[in-house]
Amino acid sequence: MLILSFTSLPFWADYYLGISADALEEDPEVIIVLGGSGMPSPNGLIRSYYGAEAALVYENAKIIIALPGDTLDKNSSIRLMAHEMIIRGVDSTRIVYENEGTNTRWEALNVKSRFFPNSNPAVLLVSSPAHMYRSVKTFQKAGFTNVGGLPSFGRANETSLAFDAAQLGGSNSMPDVGKQISIRYSIWTRLHLQISVFREYMAIAYYWMMGWI
C-alpha cells in the first residue's frame, strides 16, 4: 500500500468507480441522496452539496434522502442533510425521506416499495465516488432500469501549499519539506483512497455473491 501511494493508481481506482454509472438520457424524475455517515461529516456534507446542486438544475425532480434516522428530530443526521440542501436553495416541500434502510440494498428496496411500487422513474443517485458503481447496480437490481449517478468528487485546494521552513524558524537540522507536496499530502491521500477502494471492492464482491447486484 505504501508503494502504491507513490503512484496515481489509487486515484484512478477511485475515479473509475465514480464514473462507472451510465449517463441518463433524460432529466431525472427523482434525485436520491444516499446518506453515508452522520452529519456533519465529510461525505454527508459533500453529498448534500451535490444533491442540492442537482436539485437546482432539475427543478421538477422529487428528492429522497436515504439515511436511517428520526425524521421528527430536527437535529438528526437525516434532517440535517435536508437542512443543508434547504439553505442552498432547495424547496423543502420537494424532500422526502427513506429512513429505515441501513445498507444500500435495503435502501433501494424501500425506495422502490414505498415510493414507486408501480412506476419506474428516471433516477439520479448522489453518493461518494467509490460507492457509485455498487449503488447504481443495487438500484437496478431492485427494479429501477433507468439509473444514473452523480459522484461527489472533492476538489483540491487551488492555492499552493508550499512554504519555506527557514522563514518559519525551528530546527535547522531537519529537512525542509515545504515544497514537497507529495510527501506532505499526496501519499497520505492515496493511502486513504486505497482503504476506501479496497473496502468497496469487498462490498461489491459480497453484494455480487448475495445476488444484490
C-alpha atoms as a PDB file:
ATOM      1  CA  MET A   1       0.000   0.000   0.000  1.00  0.00           C
ATOM      2  CA  LEU A   2       2.852   2.373   0.769  1.00  0.00           C
ATOM      3  CA  ILE A   3       4.438   1.702  -2.627  1.00  0.00           C
ATOM      4  CA  LEU A   4       1.118   2.259  -4.406  1.00  0.00           C
ATOM      5  CA  SER A   5       0.707   5.553  -2.556  1.00  0.00           C
ATOM      6  CA  PHE A   6       3.647   6.917  -4.548  1.00  0.00           C
ATOM      7  CA  THR A   7       1.729   6.236  -7.783  1.00  0.00           C
ATOM      8  CA  SER A   8      -1.514   7.575  -9.266  1.00  0.00           C
ATOM      9  CA  LEU A   9      -3.201   4.135  -9.245  1.00  0.00           C
ATOM     10  CA  PRO A  10      -5.291   4.753  -6.084  1.00  0.00           C
ATOM     11  CA  PHE A  11      -6.678   7.929  -7.618  1.00  0.00           C
ATOM     12  CA  TRP A  12      -7.649   6.185 -10.851  1.00  0.00           C
ATOM     13  CA  ALA A  13      -9.218   3.240  -8.991  1.00  0.00           C
ATOM     14  CA  ASP A  14     -11.449   5.652  -7.068  1.00  0.00           C
ATOM     15  CA  TYR A  15     -12.091   7.749 -10.171  1.00  0.00           C
ATOM     16  CA  TYR A  16     -13.257   4.846 -12.342  1.00  0.00           C
ATOM     17  CA  LEU A  17     -15.626   3.599  -9.647  1.00  0.00           C
ATOM     18  CA  GLY A  18     -17.044   7.122  -9.545  1.00  0.00           C
ATOM     19  CA  ILE A  19     -17.665   7.457 -13.282  1.00  0.00           C
ATOM     20  CA  SER A  20     -18.938   3.900 -13.759  1.00  0.00           C
ATOM     21  CA  ALA A  21     -22.596   4.946 -13.879  1.00  0.00           C
ATOM     22  CA  ASP A  22     -24.208   5.435 -17.268  1.00  0.00           C
ATOM     23  CA  ALA A  23     -25.386   8.940 -18.059  1.00  0.00           C
ATOM     24  CA  LEU A  24     -29.144   9.454 -18.014  1.00  0.00           C
ATOM     25  CA  GLU A  25     -30.638  10.086 -21.441  1.00  0.00           C
ATOM     26  CA  GLU A  26     -33.393  12.207 -19.911  1.00  0.00           C
ATOM     27  CA  ASP A  27     -33.863  14.527 -16.957  1.00  0.00           C
ATOM     28  CA  PRO A  28     -34.206  12.609 -13.694  1.00  0.00           C
ATOM     29  CA  GLU A  29     -37.637  12.377 -12.123  1.00  0.00           C
ATOM     30  CA  VAL A  30     -36.135  11.646  -8.723  1.00  0.00           C
ATOM     31  CA  ILE A  31     -32.809  12.528  -7.097  1.00  0.00           C
ATOM     32  CA  ILE A  32     -31.762  10.117  -4.351  1.00  0.00           C
ATOM     33  CA  VAL A  33     -29.081  11.367  -1.975  1.00  0.00           C
ATOM     34  CA  LEU A  34     -27.512   8.397  -0.186  1.00  0.00           C
ATOM     35  CA  GLY A  35     -26.579   9.403   3.324  1.00  0.00           C
ATOM     36  CA  GLY A  36     -23.412   7.567   4.350  1.00  0.00           C
ATOM     37  CA  SER A  37     -22.119   8.813   7.705  1.00  0.00           C
ATOM     38  CA  GLY A  38     -23.816  11.150  10.149  1.00  0.00           C
ATOM     39  CA  MET A  39     -23.992  14.920   9.992  1.00  0.00           C
ATOM     40  CA  PRO A  40     -21.828  16.824   9.956  1.00  0.00           C
ATOM     41  CA  SER A  41     -19.311  14.543   8.281  1.00  0.00           C
ATOM     42  CA  PRO A  42     -17.207  14.869   5.131  1.00  0.00           C
ATOM     43  CA  ASN A  43     -19.323  12.564   2.985  1.00  0.00           C
ATOM     44  CA  GLY A  44     -22.623  13.776   4.451  1.00  0.00           C
ATOM     45  CA  LEU A  45     -21.792  17.397   3.699  1.00  0.00           C
ATOM     46  CA  ILE A  46     -20.415  16.854   0.209  1.00  0.00           C
ATOM     47  CA  ARG A  47     -23.306  14.595  -0.817  1.00  0.00           C
ATOM     48  CA  SER A  48     -25.750  17.226   0.433  1.00  0.00           C
ATOM     49  CA  TYR A  49     -23.879  19.840  -1.596  1.00  0.00           C
ATOM     50  CA  TYR A  50     -24.024  17.793  -4.804  1.00  0.00           C
ATOM     51  CA  GLY A  51     -27.638  16.833  -4.130  1.00  0.00           C
ATOM     52  CA  ALA A  52     -28.581  20.497  -3.797  1.00  0.00           C
ATOM     53  CA  GLU A  53     -26.712  21.388  -6.993  1.00  0.00           C
ATOM     54  CA  ALA A  54     -28.592  18.656  -8.884  1.00  0.00           C
ATOM     55  CA  ALA A  55     -31.918  19.723  -7.372  1.00  0.00           C
ATOM     56  CA  LEU A  56     -31.414  23.301  -8.548  1.00  0.00           C
ATOM     57  CA  VAL A  57     -30.685  22.094 -12.091  1.00  0.00           C
ATOM     58  CA  TYR A  58     -33.565  19.585 -12.249  1.00  0.00           C
ATOM     59  CA  GLU A  59     -36.293  21.674 -10.642  1.00  0.00           C
ATOM     60  CA  ASN A  60     -39.102  19.166 -11.221  1.00  0.00           C
ATOM     61  CA  ALA A  61     -37.366  16.166  -9.659  1.00  0.00           C
ATOM     62  CA  LYS A  62     -38.514  14.682  -6.350  1.00  0.00           C
ATOM     63  CA  ILE A  63     -35.709  14.461  -3.774  1.00  0.00           C
ATOM     64  CA  ILE A  64     -35.265  11.456  -1.496  1.00  0.00           C
ATOM     65  CA  ILE A  65     -32.690  11.438   1.283  1.00  0.00           C
ATOM     66  CA  ALA A  66     -31.825   7.873   2.260  1.00  0.00           C
ATOM     67  CA  LEU A  67     -30.298   7.631   5.730  1.00  0.00           C
ATOM     68  CA  PRO A  68     -31.527   5.844   8.852  1.00  0.00           C
ATOM     69  CA  GLY A  69     -32.706   8.282  11.500  1.00  0.00           C
ATOM     70  CA  ASP A  70     -35.538  10.077  13.231  1.00  0.00           C
ATOM     71  CA  THR A  71     -37.247  12.401  10.775  1.00  0.00           C
ATOM     72  CA  LEU A  72     -39.138  14.121  13.624  1.00  0.00           C
ATOM     73  CA  ASP A  73     -35.907  15.226  15.303  1.00  0.00           C
ATOM     74  CA  LYS A  74     -34.571  18.355  13.633  1.00  0.00           C
ATOM     75  CA  ASN A  75     -31.090  17.550  14.978  1.00  0.00           C
ATOM     76  CA  SER A  76     -30.947  14.051  13.487  1.00  0.00           C
ATOM     77  CA  SER A  77     -28.477  13.445  10.680  1.00  0.00           C
ATOM     78  CA  ILE A  78     -31.162  12.895   8.063  1.00  0.00           C
ATOM     79  CA  ARG A  79     -32.877  16.169   8.917  1.00  0.00           C
ATOM     80  CA  LEU A  80     -29.536  17.984   8.992  1.00  0.00           C
ATOM     81  CA  MET A  81     -28.814  16.719   5.463  1.00  0.00           C
ATOM     82  CA  ALA A  82     -32.157  18.143   4.372  1.00  0.00           C
ATOM     83  CA  HIS A  83     -31.350  21.429   6.120  1.00  0.00           C
ATOM     84  CA  GLU A  84     -28.012  21.606   4.311  1.00  0.00           C
ATOM     85  CA  MET A  85     -29.859  21.329   0.998  1.00  0.00           C
ATOM     86  CA  ILE A  86     -32.560  23.796   2.000  1.00  0.00           C
ATOM     87  CA  ILE A  87     -30.071  26.525   2.901  1.00  0.00           C
ATOM     88  CA  ARG A  88     -28.627  26.090  -0.593  1.00  0.00           C
ATOM     89  CA  GLY A  89     -31.958  26.992  -2.148  1.00  0.00           C
ATOM     90  CA  VAL A  90     -33.856  23.690  -2.372  1.00  0.00           C
ATOM     91  CA  ASP A  91     -37.588  23.878  -1.629  1.00  0.00           C
ATOM     92  CA  SER A  92     -38.271  21.802   1.493  1.00  0.00           C
ATOM     93  CA  THR A  93     -41.574  20.532   0.050  1.00  0.00           C
ATOM     94  CA  ARG A  94     -39.642  18.573  -2.574  1.00  0.00           C
ATOM     95  CA  ILE A  95     -37.779  16.482   0.021  1.00  0.00           C
ATOM     96  CA  VAL A  96     -38.978  13.138   1.375  1.00  0.00           C
ATOM     97  CA  TYR A  97     -37.116  10.564   3.438  1.00  0.00           C
ATOM     98  CA  GLU A  98     -36.180   6.896   3.363  1.00  0.00           C
ATOM     99  CA  ASN A  99     -35.052   6.490   6.958  1.00  0.00           C
ATOM    100  CA  GLU A 100     -35.155   2.753   7.604  1.00  0.00           C
ATOM    101  CA  GLY A 101     -32.559   1.088   5.396  1.00  0.00           C
ATOM    102  CA  THR A 102     -29.134   0.565   6.944  1.00  0.00           C
ATOM    103  CA  ASN A 103     -27.373  -0.573   3.774  1.00  0.00           C
ATOM    104  CA  THR A 104     -27.671   0.208   0.073  1.00  0.00           C
ATOM    105  CA  ARG A 105     -29.713  -2.909  -0.737  1.00  0.00           C
ATOM    106  CA  TRP A 106     -32.274  -2.131   1.963  1.00  0.00           C
ATOM    107  CA  GLU A 107     -32.485   1.498   0.895  1.00  0.00           C
ATOM    108  CA  ALA A 108     -33.086   0.552  -2.733  1.00  0.00           C
ATOM    109  CA  LEU A 109     -35.841  -1.925  -1.837  1.00  0.00           C
ATOM    110  CA  ASN A 110     -37.530   0.599   0.453  1.00  0.00           C
ATOM    111  CA  VAL A 111     -37.420   3.402  -2.106  1.00  0.00           C
ATOM    112  CA  LYS A 112     -38.968   1.099  -4.691  1.00  0.00           C
ATOM    113  CA  SER A 113     -41.710  -0.322  -2.458  1.00  0.00           C
ATOM    114  CA  ARG A 114     -42.600   2.917  -0.624  1.00  0.00           C
ATOM    115  CA  PHE A 115     -42.452   5.500  -3.395  1.00  0.00           C
ATOM    116  CA  PHE A 116     -42.537   3.753  -6.781  1.00  0.00           C
ATOM    117  CA  PRO A 117     -44.209   0.332  -6.460  1.00  0.00           C
ATOM    118  CA  ASN A 118     -45.969   0.681  -9.811  1.00  0.00           C
ATOM    119  CA  SER A 119     -43.650   3.025 -11.694  1.00  0.00           C
ATOM    120  CA  ASN A 120     -40.094   3.130 -12.945  1.00  0.00           C
ATOM    121  CA  PRO A 121     -38.828   6.734 -12.902  1.00  0.00           C
ATOM    122  CA  ALA A 122     -35.502   8.002 -14.153  1.00  0.00           C
ATOM    123  CA  VAL A 123     -33.267   8.098 -11.069  1.00  0.00           C
ATOM    124  CA  LEU A 124     -30.156  10.127 -10.325  1.00  0.00           C
ATOM    125  CA  LEU A 125     -28.133   8.769  -7.395  1.00  0.00           C
ATOM    126  CA  VAL A 126     -25.822  11.029  -5.416  1.00  0.00           C
ATOM    127  CA  SER A 127     -23.101   9.257  -3.477  1.00  0.00           C
ATOM    128  CA  SER A 128     -19.372   9.069  -2.888  1.00  0.00           C
ATOM    129  CA  PRO A 129     -17.243   8.137  -5.925  1.00  0.00           C
ATOM    130  CA  ALA A 130     -16.155   4.741  -4.571  1.00  0.00           C
ATOM    131  CA  HIS A 131     -19.766   3.849  -3.748  1.00  0.00           C
ATOM    132  CA  MET A 132     -21.214   4.851  -7.111  1.00  0.00           C
ATOM    133  CA  TYR A 133     -20.810   1.562  -9.017  1.00  0.00           C
ATOM    134  CA  ARG A 134     -22.382  -0.541  -6.253  1.00  0.00           C
ATOM    135  CA  SER A 135     -25.235   1.892  -5.599  1.00  0.00           C
ATOM    136  CA  VAL A 136     -26.236   2.072  -9.275  1.00  0.00           C
ATOM    137  CA  LYS A 137     -26.109  -1.712  -9.707  1.00  0.00           C
ATOM    138  CA  THR A 138     -28.071  -2.225  -6.490  1.00  0.00           C
ATOM    139  CA  PHE A 139     -30.876   0.122  -7.532  1.00  0.00           C
ATOM    140  CA  GLN A 140     -31.006  -1.522 -10.941  1.00  0.00           C
ATOM    141  CA  LYS A 141     -31.352  -4.923  -9.275  1.00  0.00           C
ATOM    142  CA  ALA A 142     -34.174  -3.531  -7.125  1.00  0.00           C
ATOM    143  CA  GLY A 143     -36.194  -2.713 -10.251  1.00  0.00           C
ATOM    144  CA  PHE A 144     -35.055   0.710 -11.438  1.00  0.00           C
ATOM    145  CA  THR A 145     -33.938   0.346 -15.045  1.00  0.00           C
ATOM    146  CA  ASN A 146     -33.020   3.962 -15.790  1.00  0.00           C
ATOM    147  CA  VAL A 147     -30.397   4.915 -13.199  1.00  0.00           C
ATOM    148  CA  GLY A 148     -27.595   7.453 -13.443  1.00  0.00           C
ATOM    149  CA  GLY A 149     -25.035   8.601 -10.925  1.00  0.00           C
ATOM    150  CA  LEU A 150     -23.621  11.886  -9.674  1.00  0.00           C
ATOM    151  CA  PRO A 151     -20.374  11.117  -7.801  1.00  0.00           C
ATOM    152  CA  SER A 152     -19.480  13.607  -5.087  1.00  0.00           C
ATOM    153  CA  PHE A 153     -15.868  14.213  -6.052  1.00  0.00           C
ATOM    154  CA  GLY A 154     -13.960  16.607  -3.847  1.00  0.00           C
ATOM    155  CA  ARG A 155     -11.788  19.361  -5.249  1.00  0.00           C
ATOM    156  CA  ALA A 156      -8.170  20.014  -4.419  1.00  0.00           C
ATOM    157  CA  ASN A 157      -7.134  23.353  -2.969  1.00  0.00           C
ATOM    158  CA  GLU A 158      -6.420  25.728  -5.838  1.00  0.00           C
ATOM    159  CA  THR A 159      -3.780  27.600  -3.807  1.00  0.00           C
ATOM    160  CA  SER A 160      -0.208  26.346  -3.475  1.00  0.00           C
ATOM    161  CA  LEU A 161       0.524  24.917  -0.016  1.00  0.00           C
ATOM    162  CA  ALA A 162       4.294  25.250  -0.313  1.00  0.00           C
ATOM    163  CA  PHE A 163       6.275  27.072   2.366  1.00  0.00           C
ATOM    164  CA  ASP A 164       9.852  27.993   3.224  1.00  0.00           C
ATOM    165  CA  ALA A 165      10.807  26.365   6.524  1.00  0.00           C
ATOM    166  CA  ALA A 166      13.706  28.778   7.066  1.00  0.00           C
ATOM    167  CA  GLN A 167      11.302  31.703   7.165  1.00  0.00           C
ATOM    168  CA  LEU A 168       9.171  29.996   9.800  1.00  0.00           C
ATOM    169  CA  GLY A 169      12.000  29.239  12.212  1.00  0.00           C
ATOM    170  CA  GLY A 170      12.572  25.970  14.053  1.00  0.00           C
ATOM    171  CA  SER A 171      15.337  23.371  13.907  1.00  0.00           C
ATOM    172  CA  ASN A 172      17.929  23.788  11.155  1.00  0.00           C
ATOM    173  CA  SER A 173      18.841  20.096  11.341  1.00  0.00           C
ATOM    174  CA  MET A 174      15.519  18.921   9.941  1.00  0.00           C
ATOM    175  CA  PRO A 175      14.977  18.643   6.168  1.00  0.00           C
ATOM    176  CA  ASP A 176      12.851  21.349   4.526  1.00  0.00           C
ATOM    177  CA  VAL A 177       9.782  19.591   3.089  1.00  0.00           C
ATOM    178  CA  GLY A 178       7.873  22.813   2.476  1.00  0.00           C
ATOM    179  CA  LYS A 179       7.859  22.357  -1.287  1.00  0.00           C
ATOM    180  CA  GLN A 180       7.380  18.560  -1.160  1.00  0.00           C
ATOM    181  CA  ILE A 181       3.623  18.467  -1.542  1.00  0.00           C
ATOM    182  CA  SER A 182       3.649  14.765  -2.365  1.00  0.00           C
ATOM    183  CA  ILE A 183       5.363  13.851   0.893  1.00  0.00           C
ATOM    184  CA  ARG A 184       3.180  16.164   2.952  1.00  0.00           C
ATOM    185  CA  TYR A 185      -0.203  15.360   1.429  1.00  0.00           C
ATOM    186  CA  SER A 186      -0.419  13.212  -1.692  1.00  0.00           C
ATOM    187  CA  ILE A 187       0.877   9.900  -0.365  1.00  0.00           C
ATOM    188  CA  TRP A 188      -1.452  10.124   2.649  1.00  0.00           C
ATOM    189  CA  THR A 189      -4.429  10.913   0.433  1.00  0.00           C
ATOM    190  CA  ARG A 190      -3.591   7.914  -1.739  1.00  0.00           C
ATOM    191  CA  LEU A 191      -3.268   5.660   1.314  1.00  0.00           C
ATOM    192  CA  HIS A 192      -6.721   6.797   2.397  1.00  0.00           C
ATOM    193  CA  LEU A 193      -8.105   6.159  -1.093  1.00  0.00           C
ATOM    194  CA  GLN A 194      -6.688   2.639  -1.071  1.00  0.00           C
ATOM    195  CA  ILE A 195      -8.517   1.793   2.150  1.00  0.00           C
ATOM    196  CA  SER A 196     -11.756   3.186   0.714  1.00  0.00           C
ATOM    197  CA  VAL A 197     -11.372   1.382  -2.609  1.00  0.00           C
ATOM    198  CA  PHE A 198     -10.326  -1.974  -1.083  1.00  0.00           C
ATOM    199  CA  ARG A 199     -13.264  -1.813   1.301  1.00  0.00           C
ATOM    200  CA  GLU A 200     -15.592  -1.060  -1.615  1.00  0.00           C
ATOM    201  CA  TYR A 201     -14.276  -3.965  -3.709  1.00  0.00           C
ATOM    202  CA  MET A 202     -15.003  -6.272  -0.775  1.00  0.00           C
ATOM    203  CA  ALA A 203     -18.539  -4.852  -0.550  1.00  0.00           C
ATOM    204  CA  ILE A 204     -19.046  -5.285  -4.296  1.00  0.00           C
ATOM    205  CA  ALA A 205     -17.921  -8.917  -4.054  1.00  0.00           C
ATOM    206  CA  TYR A 206     -20.310  -9.549  -1.161  1.00  0.00           C
ATOM    207  CA  TYR A 207     -23.255  -7.902  -2.974  1.00  0.00           C
ATOM    208  CA  TRP A 208     -22.477  -9.965  -6.073  1.00  0.00           C
ATOM    209  CA  MET A 209     -22.382 -13.226  -4.110  1.00  0.00           C
ATOM    210  CA  MET A 210     -25.646 -12.292  -2.388  1.00  0.00           C
ATOM    211  CA  GLY A 211     -27.289 -11.599  -5.743  1.00  0.00           C
ATOM    212  CA  TRP A 212     -27.907  -7.963  -4.867  1.00  0.00           C
ATOM    213  CA  ILE A 213     -26.120  -6.619  -7.938  1.00  0.00           C
END
